[in-house]
Amino acid sequence: TGPEGKVMVIGMGTSVYTLPVSAAALREVDLLGSFRYANTYPAAMEVLSTDSDEGLAFSKLITHQLDELDATEDALSMACKKEE
């Protein structure tokens, strides 16, 4: 994220992480975290709805869109596949 941006950490799988805290502090980045999913979605929606004039371009993070619930297995398979 850019200066004064927000980073959301959701569903952490382990209790210890190494983060560049001084770099985040120098850039005045907000770090939002949730160990479990309670109350995560409202905060995530707030971050995602931030005006794009602030430099947020979430569309660049989207590589695939699947419209059907039946495509769930394909989506998980793609997510686990490493790029060659």
PDB file of N, CA and C in Angstrom:
ATOM      1  N   THR A   1       0.839  -1.183   0.000  1.00  0.00           N
ATOM      2  CA  THR A   1       0.000   0.000   0.000  1.00  0.00           C
ATOM      3  C   THR A   1       0.879   1.239   0.000  1.00  0.00           C
ATOM      4  N   GLY A   2       0.300   2.331  -0.377  1.00  0.00           N
ATOM      5  CA  GLY A   2       1.040   3.581  -0.407  1.00  0.00           C
ATOM      6  C   GLY A   2       1.080   4.247   0.958  1.00  0.00           C
ATOM      7  N   PRO A   3       1.728   5.403   1.043  1.00  0.00           N
ATOM      8  CA  PRO A   3       1.757   6.148   2.296  1.00  0.00           C
ATOM      9  C   PRO A   3       0.340   6.414   2.798  1.00  0.00           C
ATOM     10  N   GLU A   4       0.164   6.294   4.094  1.00  0.00           N
ATOM     11  CA  GLU A   4      -1.118   6.487   4.770  1.00  0.00           C
ATOM     12  C   GLU A   4      -2.171   5.474   4.321  1.00  0.00           C
ATOM     13  N   GLY A   5      -1.730   4.335   3.781  1.00  0.00           N
ATOM     14  CA  GLY A   5      -2.647   3.285   3.344  1.00  0.00           C
ATOM     15  C   GLY A   5      -3.050   2.381   4.491  1.00  0.00           C
ATOM     16  N   LYS A   6      -3.816   1.362   4.158  1.00  0.00           N
ATOM     17  CA  LYS A   6      -4.289   0.401   5.154  1.00  0.00           C
ATOM     18  C   LYS A   6      -3.960  -1.011   4.684  1.00  0.00           C
ATOM     19  N   VAL A   7      -3.521  -1.837   5.624  1.00  0.00           N
ATOM     20  CA  VAL A   7      -3.251  -3.244   5.356  1.00  0.00           C
ATOM     21  C   VAL A   7      -4.118  -4.053   6.305  1.00  0.00           C
ATOM     22  N   MET A   8      -4.862  -5.007   5.760  1.00  0.00           N
ATOM     23  CA  MET A   8      -5.723  -5.838   6.587  1.00  0.00           C
ATOM     24  C   MET A   8      -5.177  -7.258   6.597  1.00  0.00           C
ATOM     25  N   VAL A   9      -4.920  -7.784   7.792  1.00  0.00           N
ATOM     26  CA  VAL A   9      -4.437  -9.150   7.967  1.00  0.00           C
ATOM     27  C   VAL A   9      -5.597  -9.959   8.531  1.00  0.00           C
ATOM     28  N   ILE A  10      -6.039 -10.968   7.761  1.00  0.00           N
ATOM     29  CA  ILE A  10      -7.226 -11.735   8.140  1.00  0.00           C
ATOM     30  C   ILE A  10      -6.887 -13.215   8.200  1.00  0.00           C
ATOM     31  N   GLY A  11      -7.396 -13.897   9.213  1.00  0.00           N
ATOM     32  CA  GLY A  11      -7.267 -15.346   9.291  1.00  0.00           C
ATOM     33  C   GLY A  11      -5.837 -15.832   9.412  1.00  0.00           C
ATOM     34  N   MET A  12      -5.094 -15.275  10.331  1.00  0.00           N
ATOM     35  CA  MET A  12      -3.697 -15.663  10.510  1.00  0.00           C
ATOM     36  C   MET A  12      -3.611 -17.121  10.941  1.00  0.00           C
ATOM     37  N   GLY A  13      -2.740 -17.896  10.294  1.00  0.00           N
ATOM     38  CA  GLY A  13      -2.645 -19.316  10.573  1.00  0.00           C
ATOM     39  C   GLY A  13      -1.627 -19.686  11.632  1.00  0.00           C
ATOM     40  N   THR A  14      -0.798 -18.762  12.019  1.00  0.00           N
ATOM     41  CA  THR A  14       0.212 -19.036  13.036  1.00  0.00           C
ATOM     42  C   THR A  14       0.280 -17.839  13.978  1.00  0.00           C
ATOM     43  N   SER A  15       0.847 -18.030  15.142  1.00  0.00           N
ATOM     44  CA  SER A  15       0.832 -16.954  16.138  1.00  0.00           C
ATOM     45  C   SER A  15       2.001 -15.987  16.017  1.00  0.00           C
ATOM     46  N   VAL A  16       3.025 -16.308  15.234  1.00  0.00           N
ATOM     47  CA  VAL A  16       4.200 -15.440  15.126  1.00  0.00           C
ATOM     48  C   VAL A  16       4.416 -15.038  13.666  1.00  0.00           C
ATOM     49  N   TYR A  17       4.522 -13.731  13.439  1.00  0.00           N
ATOM     50  CA  TYR A  17       4.805 -13.184  12.110  1.00  0.00           C
ATOM     51  C   TYR A  17       5.893 -12.131  12.240  1.00  0.00           C
ATOM     52  N   THR A  18       6.678 -11.976  11.219  1.00  0.00           N
ATOM     53  CA  THR A  18       7.683 -10.921  11.182  1.00  0.00           C
ATOM     54  C   THR A  18       7.169  -9.840  10.242  1.00  0.00           C
ATOM     55  N   LEU A  19       6.977  -8.646  10.775  1.00  0.00           N
ATOM     56  CA  LEU A  19       6.469  -7.531   9.985  1.00  0.00           C
ATOM     57  C   LEU A  19       7.442  -6.361  10.054  1.00  0.00           C
ATOM     58  N   PRO A  20       7.604  -5.621   8.968  1.00  0.00           N
ATOM     59  CA  PRO A  20       8.479  -4.441   8.967  1.00  0.00           C
ATOM     60  C   PRO A  20       7.760  -3.248   9.611  1.00  0.00           C
ATOM     61  N   VAL A  21       7.646  -3.278  10.919  1.00  0.00           N
ATOM     62  CA  VAL A  21       6.864  -2.274  11.641  1.00  0.00           C
ATOM     63  C   VAL A  21       7.427  -0.872  11.452  1.00  0.00           C
ATOM     64  N   SER A  22       8.743  -0.717  11.463  1.00  0.00           N
ATOM     65  CA  SER A  22       9.303   0.634  11.310  1.00  0.00           C
ATOM     66  C   SER A  22       8.982   1.203   9.929  1.00  0.00           C
ATOM     67  N   ALA A  23       8.991   0.359   8.891  1.00  0.00           N
ATOM     68  CA  ALA A  23       8.641   0.829   7.542  1.00  0.00           C
ATOM     69  C   ALA A  23       7.181   1.259   7.496  1.00  0.00           C
ATOM     70  N   ALA A  24       6.317   0.493   8.148  1.00  0.00           N
ATOM     71  CA  ALA A  24       4.897   0.854   8.187  1.00  0.00           C
ATOM     72  C   ALA A  24       4.693   2.160   8.951  1.00  0.00           C
ATOM     73  N   ALA A  25       5.406   2.318  10.050  1.00  0.00           N
ATOM     74  CA  ALA A  25       5.275   3.539  10.847  1.00  0.00           C
ATOM     75  C   ALA A  25       5.776   4.758  10.077  1.00  0.00           C
ATOM     76  N   LEU A  26       6.901   4.626   9.389  1.00  0.00           N
ATOM     77  CA  LEU A  26       7.439   5.747   8.618  1.00  0.00           C
ATOM     78  C   LEU A  26       6.487   6.183   7.510  1.00  0.00           C
ATOM     79  N   ARG A  27       5.773   5.225   6.931  1.00  0.00           N
ATOM     80  CA  ARG A  27       4.828   5.534   5.854  1.00  0.00           C
ATOM     81  C   ARG A  27       3.425   5.806   6.386  1.00  0.00           C
ATOM     82  N   GLU A  28       3.273   5.759   7.721  1.00  0.00           N
ATOM     83  CA  GLU A  28       1.986   6.011   8.381  1.00  0.00           C
ATOM     84  C   GLU A  28       0.897   5.074   7.857  1.00  0.00           C
ATOM     85  N   VAL A  29       1.260   3.792   7.747  1.00  0.00           N
ATOM     86  CA  VAL A  29       0.327   2.769   7.275  1.00  0.00           C
ATOM     87  C   VAL A  29      -0.440   2.205   8.466  1.00  0.00           C
ATOM     88  N   ASP A  30      -1.748   2.053   8.302  1.00  0.00           N
ATOM     89  CA  ASP A  30      -2.584   1.437   9.332  1.00  0.00           C
ATOM     90  C   ASP A  30      -2.591  -0.066   9.126  1.00  0.00           C
ATOM     91  N   LEU A  31      -2.310  -0.820  10.173  1.00  0.00           N
ATOM     92  CA  LEU A  31      -2.356  -2.273  10.123  1.00  0.00           C
ATOM     93  C   LEU A  31      -3.581  -2.731  10.902  1.00  0.00           C
ATOM     94  N   LEU A  32      -4.516  -3.359  10.195  1.00  0.00           N
ATOM     95  CA  LEU A  32      -5.743  -3.852  10.809  1.00  0.00           C
ATOM     96  C   LEU A  32      -5.684  -5.365  10.814  1.00  0.00           C
ATOM     97  N   GLY A  33      -5.906  -5.969  11.953  1.00  0.00           N
ATOM     98  CA  GLY A  33      -5.809  -7.419  12.015  1.00  0.00           C
ATOM     99  C   GLY A  33      -6.961  -8.056  12.752  1.00  0.00           C
ATOM    100  N   SER A  34      -7.169  -9.315  12.434  1.00  0.00           N
ATOM    101  CA  SER A  34      -8.190 -10.106  13.101  1.00  0.00           C
ATOM    102  C   SER A  34      -7.682 -11.535  13.164  1.00  0.00           C
ATOM    103  N   PHE A  35      -7.574 -12.098  14.369  1.00  0.00           N
ATOM    104  CA  PHE A  35      -7.093 -13.469  14.490  1.00  0.00           C
ATOM    105  C   PHE A  35      -8.150 -14.447  14.011  1.00  0.00           C
ATOM    106  N   ARG A  36      -9.368 -14.117  14.221  1.00  0.00           N
ATOM    107  CA  ARG A  36     -10.495 -14.909  13.724  1.00  0.00           C
ATOM    108  C   ARG A  36     -11.325 -13.992  12.846  1.00  0.00           C
ATOM    109  N   TYR A  37     -12.445 -14.476  12.377  1.00  0.00           N
ATOM    110  CA  TYR A  37     -13.221 -13.717  11.413  1.00  0.00           C
ATOM    111  C   TYR A  37     -14.275 -12.792  12.013  1.00  0.00           C
ATOM    112  N   ALA A  38     -14.448 -12.814  13.317  1.00  0.00           N
ATOM    113  CA  ALA A  38     -15.457 -11.964  13.943  1.00  0.00           C
ATOM    114  C   ALA A  38     -15.158 -10.497  13.668  1.00  0.00           C
ATOM    115  N   ASN A  39     -16.135  -9.773  13.214  1.00  0.00           N
ATOM    116  CA  ASN A  39     -16.053  -8.331  12.954  1.00  0.00           C
ATOM    117  C   ASN A  39     -15.060  -7.958  11.849  1.00  0.00           C
ATOM    118  N   THR A  40     -14.581  -8.903  11.075  1.00  0.00           N
ATOM    119  CA  THR A  40     -13.610  -8.630  10.021  1.00  0.00           C
ATOM    120  C   THR A  40     -14.262  -8.024   8.792  1.00  0.00           C
ATOM    121  N   TYR A  41     -15.405  -8.548   8.401  1.00  0.00           N
ATOM    122  CA  TYR A  41     -15.994  -8.135   7.132  1.00  0.00           C
ATOM    123  C   TYR A  41     -16.399  -6.662   7.085  1.00  0.00           C
ATOM    124  N   PRO A  42     -16.992  -6.085   8.136  1.00  0.00           N
ATOM    125  CA  PRO A  42     -17.303  -4.651   8.050  1.00  0.00           C
ATOM    126  C   PRO A  42     -16.052  -3.793   7.844  1.00  0.00           C
ATOM    127  N   ALA A  43     -14.969  -4.125   8.536  1.00  0.00           N
ATOM    128  CA  ALA A  43     -13.729  -3.356   8.373  1.00  0.00           C
ATOM    129  C   ALA A  43     -13.158  -3.550   6.971  1.00  0.00           C
ATOM    130  N   ALA A  44     -13.229  -4.777   6.450  1.00  0.00           N
ATOM    131  CA  ALA A  44     -12.730  -5.038   5.095  1.00  0.00           C
ATOM    132  C   ALA A  44     -13.545  -4.271   4.065  1.00  0.00           C
ATOM    133  N   MET A  45     -14.854  -4.240   4.233  1.00  0.00           N
ATOM    134  CA  MET A  45     -15.709  -3.514   3.295  1.00  0.00           C
ATOM    135  C   MET A  45     -15.419  -2.022   3.343  1.00  0.00           C
ATOM    136  N   GLU A  46     -15.115  -1.509   4.521  1.00  0.00           N
ATOM    137  CA  GLU A  46     -14.772  -0.087   4.644  1.00  0.00           C
ATOM    138  C   GLU A  46     -13.483   0.218   3.881  1.00  0.00           C
ATOM    139  N   VAL A  47     -12.483  -0.652   4.016  1.00  0.00           N
ATOM    140  CA  VAL A  47     -11.218  -0.461   3.303  1.00  0.00           C
ATOM    141  C   VAL A  47     -11.443  -0.546   1.801  1.00  0.00           C
ATOM    142  N   LEU A  48     -12.222  -1.540   1.360  1.00  0.00           N
ATOM    143  CA  LEU A  48     -12.454  -1.729  -0.071  1.00  0.00           C
ATOM    144  C   LEU A  48     -13.269  -0.603  -0.689  1.00  0.00           C
ATOM    145  N   SER A  49     -14.096   0.057   0.109  1.00  0.00           N
ATOM    146  CA  SER A  49     -14.946   1.116  -0.433  1.00  0.00           C
ATOM    147  C   SER A  49     -14.263   2.479  -0.432  1.00  0.00           C
ATOM    148  N   THR A  50     -13.008   2.532  -0.015  1.00  0.00           N
ATOM    149  CA  THR A  50     -12.273   3.789   0.016  1.00  0.00           C
ATOM    150  C   THR A  50     -12.147   4.344  -1.397  1.00  0.00           C
ATOM    151  N   ASP A  51     -12.270   5.644  -1.515  1.00  0.00           N
ATOM    152  CA  ASP A  51     -12.203   6.317  -2.815  1.00  0.00           C
ATOM    153  C   ASP A  51     -10.910   5.972  -3.545  1.00  0.00           C
ATOM    154  N   SER A  52     -11.012   5.610  -4.815  1.00  0.00           N
ATOM    155  CA  SER A  52      -9.839   5.210  -5.597  1.00  0.00           C
ATOM    156  C   SER A  52      -8.862   6.359  -5.822  1.00  0.00           C
ATOM    157  N   ASP A  53      -9.267   7.591  -5.549  1.00  0.00           N
ATOM    158  CA  ASP A  53      -8.351   8.726  -5.683  1.00  0.00           C
ATOM    159  C   ASP A  53      -7.195   8.630  -4.695  1.00  0.00           C
ATOM    160  N   GLU A  54      -7.337   7.786  -3.678  1.00  0.00           N
ATOM    161  CA  GLU A  54      -6.281   7.621  -2.689  1.00  0.00           C
ATOM    162  C   GLU A  54      -5.224   6.618  -3.146  1.00  0.00           C
ATOM    163  N   GLY A  55      -5.310   6.167  -4.384  1.00  0.00           N
ATOM    164  CA  GLY A  55      -4.305   5.267  -4.913  1.00  0.00           C
ATOM    165  C   GLY A  55      -4.630   3.795  -4.770  1.00  0.00           C
ATOM    166  N   LEU A  56      -5.818   3.473  -4.269  1.00  0.00           N
ATOM    167  CA  LEU A  56      -6.193   2.072  -4.120  1.00  0.00           C
ATOM    168  C   LEU A  56      -6.692   1.531  -5.455  1.00  0.00           C
ATOM    169  N   ALA A  57      -6.136   0.418  -5.879  1.00  0.00           N
ATOM    170  CA  ALA A  57      -6.541  -0.184  -7.149  1.00  0.00           C
ATOM    171  C   ALA A  57      -6.751  -1.677  -6.936  1.00  0.00           C
ATOM    172  N   PHE A  58      -7.821  -2.021  -6.242  1.00  0.00           N
ATOM    173  CA  PHE A  58      -8.070  -3.421  -5.926  1.00  0.00           C
ATOM    174  C   PHE A  58      -8.324  -4.253  -7.176  1.00  0.00           C
ATOM    175  N   SER A  59      -8.768  -3.627  -8.255  1.00  0.00           N
ATOM    176  CA  SER A  59      -9.028  -4.377  -9.487  1.00  0.00           C
ATOM    177  C   SER A  59      -7.747  -5.016 -10.024  1.00  0.00           C
ATOM    178  N   LYS A  60      -6.589  -4.446  -9.692  1.00  0.00           N
ATOM    179  CA  LYS A  60      -5.321  -5.025 -10.145  1.00  0.00           C
ATOM    180  C   LYS A  60      -5.004  -6.333  -9.421  1.00  0.00           C
ATOM    181  N   LEU A  61      -5.643  -6.567  -8.282  1.00  0.00           N
ATOM    182  CA  LEU A  61      -5.408  -7.787  -7.520  1.00  0.00           C
ATOM    183  C   LEU A  61      -6.273  -8.942  -8.003  1.00  0.00           C
ATOM    184  N   ILE A  62      -7.291  -8.657  -8.786  1.00  0.00           N
ATOM    185  CA  ILE A  62      -8.228  -9.682  -9.244  1.00  0.00           C
ATOM    186  C   ILE A  62      -7.703 -10.296 -10.532  1.00  0.00           C
ATOM    187  N   THR A  63      -7.439 -11.595 -10.497  1.00  0.00           N
ATOM    188  CA  THR A  63      -6.925 -12.289 -11.679  1.00  0.00           C
ATOM    189  C   THR A  63      -7.996 -13.102 -12.384  1.00  0.00           C
ATOM    190  N   HIS A  64      -9.018 -13.549 -11.650  1.00  0.00           N
ATOM    191  CA  HIS A  64     -10.081 -14.366 -12.227  1.00  0.00           C
ATOM    192  C   HIS A  64     -11.405 -14.005 -11.555  1.00  0.00           C
ATOM    193  N   GLN A  65     -12.484 -14.122 -12.292  1.00  0.00           N
ATOM    194  CA  GLN A  65     -13.822 -13.952 -11.722  1.00  0.00           C
ATOM    195  C   GLN A  65     -14.660 -15.149 -12.140  1.00  0.00           C
ATOM    196  N   LEU A  66     -15.241 -15.815 -11.159  1.00  0.00           N
ATOM    197  CA  LEU A  66     -16.084 -16.974 -11.416  1.00  0.00           C
ATOM    198  C   LEU A  66     -17.479 -16.647 -10.910  1.00  0.00           C
ATOM    199  N   ASP A  67     -18.460 -16.738 -11.786  1.00  0.00           N
ATOM    200  CA  ASP A  67     -19.811 -16.314 -11.442  1.00  0.00           C
ATOM    201  C   ASP A  67     -20.663 -17.396 -10.798  1.00  0.00           C
ATOM    202  N   GLU A  68     -20.321 -18.632 -11.007  1.00  0.00           N
ATOM    203  CA  GLU A  68     -21.186 -19.705 -10.542  1.00  0.00           C
ATOM    204  C   GLU A  68     -20.628 -20.362  -9.289  1.00  0.00           C
ATOM    205  N   LEU A  69     -21.525 -20.684  -8.354  1.00  0.00           N
ATOM    206  CA  LEU A  69     -21.118 -21.385  -7.147  1.00  0.00           C
ATOM    207  C   LEU A  69     -20.549 -22.757  -7.493  1.00  0.00           C
ATOM    208  N   ASP A  70     -21.004 -23.338  -8.601  1.00  0.00           N
ATOM    209  CA  ASP A  70     -20.491 -24.637  -9.041  1.00  0.00           C
ATOM    210  C   ASP A  70     -19.012 -24.573  -9.403  1.00  0.00           C
ATOM    211  N   ALA A  71     -18.476 -23.391  -9.609  1.00  0.00           N
ATOM    212  CA  ALA A  71     -17.075 -23.233  -9.996  1.00  0.00           C
ATOM    213  C   ALA A  71     -16.140 -23.180  -8.786  1.00  0.00           C
ATOM    214  N   THR A  72     -16.661 -23.412  -7.589  1.00  0.00           N
ATOM    215  CA  THR A  72     -15.856 -23.330  -6.374  1.00  0.00           C
ATOM    216  C   THR A  72     -14.654 -24.265  -6.426  1.00  0.00           C
ATOM    217  N   GLU A  73     -14.869 -25.492  -6.871  1.00  0.00           N
ATOM    218  CA  GLU A  73     -13.763 -26.457  -6.947  1.00  0.00           C
ATOM    219  C   GLU A  73     -12.683 -25.961  -7.908  1.00  0.00           C
ATOM    220  N   ASP A  74     -13.097 -25.413  -9.047  1.00  0.00           N
ATOM    221  CA  ASP A  74     -12.133 -24.862 -10.004  1.00  0.00           C
ATOM    222  C   ASP A  74     -11.374 -23.684  -9.401  1.00  0.00           C
ATOM    223  N   ALA A  75     -12.086 -22.836  -8.651  1.00  0.00           N
ATOM    224  CA  ALA A  75     -11.459 -21.666  -8.034  1.00  0.00           C
ATOM    225  C   ALA A  75     -10.396 -22.091  -7.029  1.00  0.00           C
ATOM    226  N   LEU A  76     -10.714 -23.073  -6.195  1.00  0.00           N
ATOM    227  CA  LEU A  76      -9.742 -23.542  -5.210  1.00  0.00           C
ATOM    228  C   LEU A  76      -8.546 -24.200  -5.892  1.00  0.00           C
ATOM    229  N   SER A  77      -8.791 -24.915  -6.963  1.00  0.00           N
ATOM    230  CA  SER A  77      -7.707 -25.539  -7.715  1.00  0.00           C
ATOM    231  C   SER A  77      -6.777 -24.479  -8.303  1.00  0.00           C
ATOM    232  N   MET A  78      -7.350 -23.410  -8.866  1.00  0.00           N
ATOM    233  CA  MET A  78      -6.539 -22.317  -9.423  1.00  0.00           C
ATOM    234  C   MET A  78      -5.741 -21.622  -8.332  1.00  0.00           C
ATOM    235  N   ALA A  79      -6.359 -21.426  -7.166  1.00  0.00           N
ATOM    236  CA  ALA A  79      -5.692 -20.724  -6.072  1.00  0.00           C
ATOM    237  C   ALA A  79      -4.487 -21.507  -5.550  1.00  0.00           C
ATOM    238  N   CYS A  80      -4.552 -22.827  -5.617  1.00  0.00           N
ATOM    239  CA  CYS A  80      -3.461 -23.670  -5.118  1.00  0.00           C
ATOM    240  C   CYS A  80      -2.373 -23.918  -6.154  1.00  0.00           C
ATOM    241  N   LYS A  81      -2.646 -23.593  -7.400  1.00  0.00           N
ATOM    242  CA  LYS A  81      -1.712 -23.868  -8.487  1.00  0.00           C
ATOM    243  C   LYS A  81      -0.620 -22.796  -8.533  1.00  0.00           C
ATOM    244  N   LYS A  82       0.609 -23.218  -8.664  1.00  0.00           N
ATOM    245  CA  LYS A  82       1.724 -22.278  -8.770  1.00  0.00           C
ATOM    246  C   LYS A  82       1.914 -21.878 -10.220  1.00  0.00           C
ATOM    247  N   GLU A  83       2.220 -20.604 -10.431  1.00  0.00           N
ATOM    248  CA  GLU A  83       2.517 -20.113 -11.782  1.00  0.00           C
ATOM    249  C   GLU A  83       3.824 -20.725 -12.250  1.00  0.00           C
ATOM    250  N   GLU A  84       3.890 -21.061 -13.521  1.00  0.00           N
ATOM    251  CA  GLU A  84       5.128 -21.633 -14.073  1.00  0.00           C
ATOM    252  C   GLU A  84       5.860 -20.612 -14.898  1.00  0.00           C
TER     253      GLU A  84
END
